Every structure is written in C-alpha cells, then in structure tokens.
Amino acid sequence: MKLVLASNNVKKLAELDAILAPLGWQLIAQGDLGIPEVEEPHGTFVENALAKARHASQIAGLPALADDSGLCVDAFGGAPGVWSARYAGEPKSDARNNEKLLRELGGNRQRTAHFVSVIVFVRHPDDPQPIIAEGEWHGEILSAARGDDGFGYDPLFYIRELDKSAAELDAAEKNRRSHRGQALARLVERLQARR
C-alpha cells in the first residue's frame, strides 16, 4: 500500500519507514510529491495530525499518515507541547530548541518530561473514520546533551532504566521504546484489524 507521509522530516520518515516497510507499506514524503507543509494552528496533537493528514491526502490523492509529536515538560505545565518544533522560533532548529529548553529549565529540580506522538491515518481527505493512535515515552531532561543519534530533543531526553539518552539508542531500540514507535504499533494493529 502506498501512503503519503504528511511530513518533510527525513529522520521521521526513516523512523516510520523502518517500522512500516516489513508490512509492505511504502511511505512517500509529501515533499517528494511537491506538497507544502500545512499550518498547525491547533492546541492539540490530535487536531494538528488530522489537519496534516487530510491536507496531504487531498493533494496526493492517496491515503495519508501524519504524526504530530512533541515534548511535554512537567515543570512548564506541558510546554513546549505542540510547539516543540518551533519552541525557539523560526526557522525551526533542533539546536536552538535544545538551548532554549536548557536555559529556561535552568537549575529546576523537577526535570520529568514525556514525549507524545499522535499518528493519524486517513483513507482519503474526507475519511469520516480516521484511525488515531497515541504513544507516550516518559523520562527526564538532562542538564547537557548526550549522544549523537536521533533528532529533536533526543540528546536531552534521559531514560533512567537504560541510563541513556534517546540519542544514545540505536534506531531499532528507539523504535521499540519511543512514543512514535508505541503509537505506530497501535496504529498497525488497528489497520490490520480493519482489513
């Protein structure tokens, strides 16, 4: 099955493709089809993911998959949340986002946080029954970056039981444990049940 991925994030595409390819599903990045990113004005992950999926499906004429994800820091009441990718403003920058997070968190002793991923699948742009799956990955924010893999906030996201940051995990282990991996596993179960 061909699906358009409502994202231009190459690393996100690789992560999702690694999980879906064995099932015979082919992901095509929206940018490869000339589809521009859609605005994400909503205050929830679900609304943003649904808007992205419907937009990509409308233009591509294909089923679409969209992920809206972010980091929720307990000391900030869940921020940056849906604004995680643009936390430090435009243009988007992982490095500037991480710098801002460390600066604002400062010496705060409450460093617990979690990643959220909401993945939406639509068969067509007006699909009245989109499949929505969610995953959460709990950890803590380090005081300095660790690791060279991953993207986004991965170098600052510490998993205590592994004594590693998300950026110190290999791709397969990250896919098994991460918020996106959890959401995608739930989505796959629901898609297979629908067949």
Foldseek 3Di string as FASTA:
>chain_A
DEAEELDPDPVVQVLLCVVCVVVVYHYDYLVVVVQDHDDQPDPAFVVSQLVSQLSSQAVVVFKYKYKQKAKAWVVVVGPPTSCQQQCVHPPGDLVSSLVVVLVVCPPPPRFKMKMKMWMWIAGHNVRPDIDIFMFIAIFGFANDFDADADTRRQRGGADVVVRHGNRNDPSVVCLCHHGVNRRVVVVVVVVVVVD
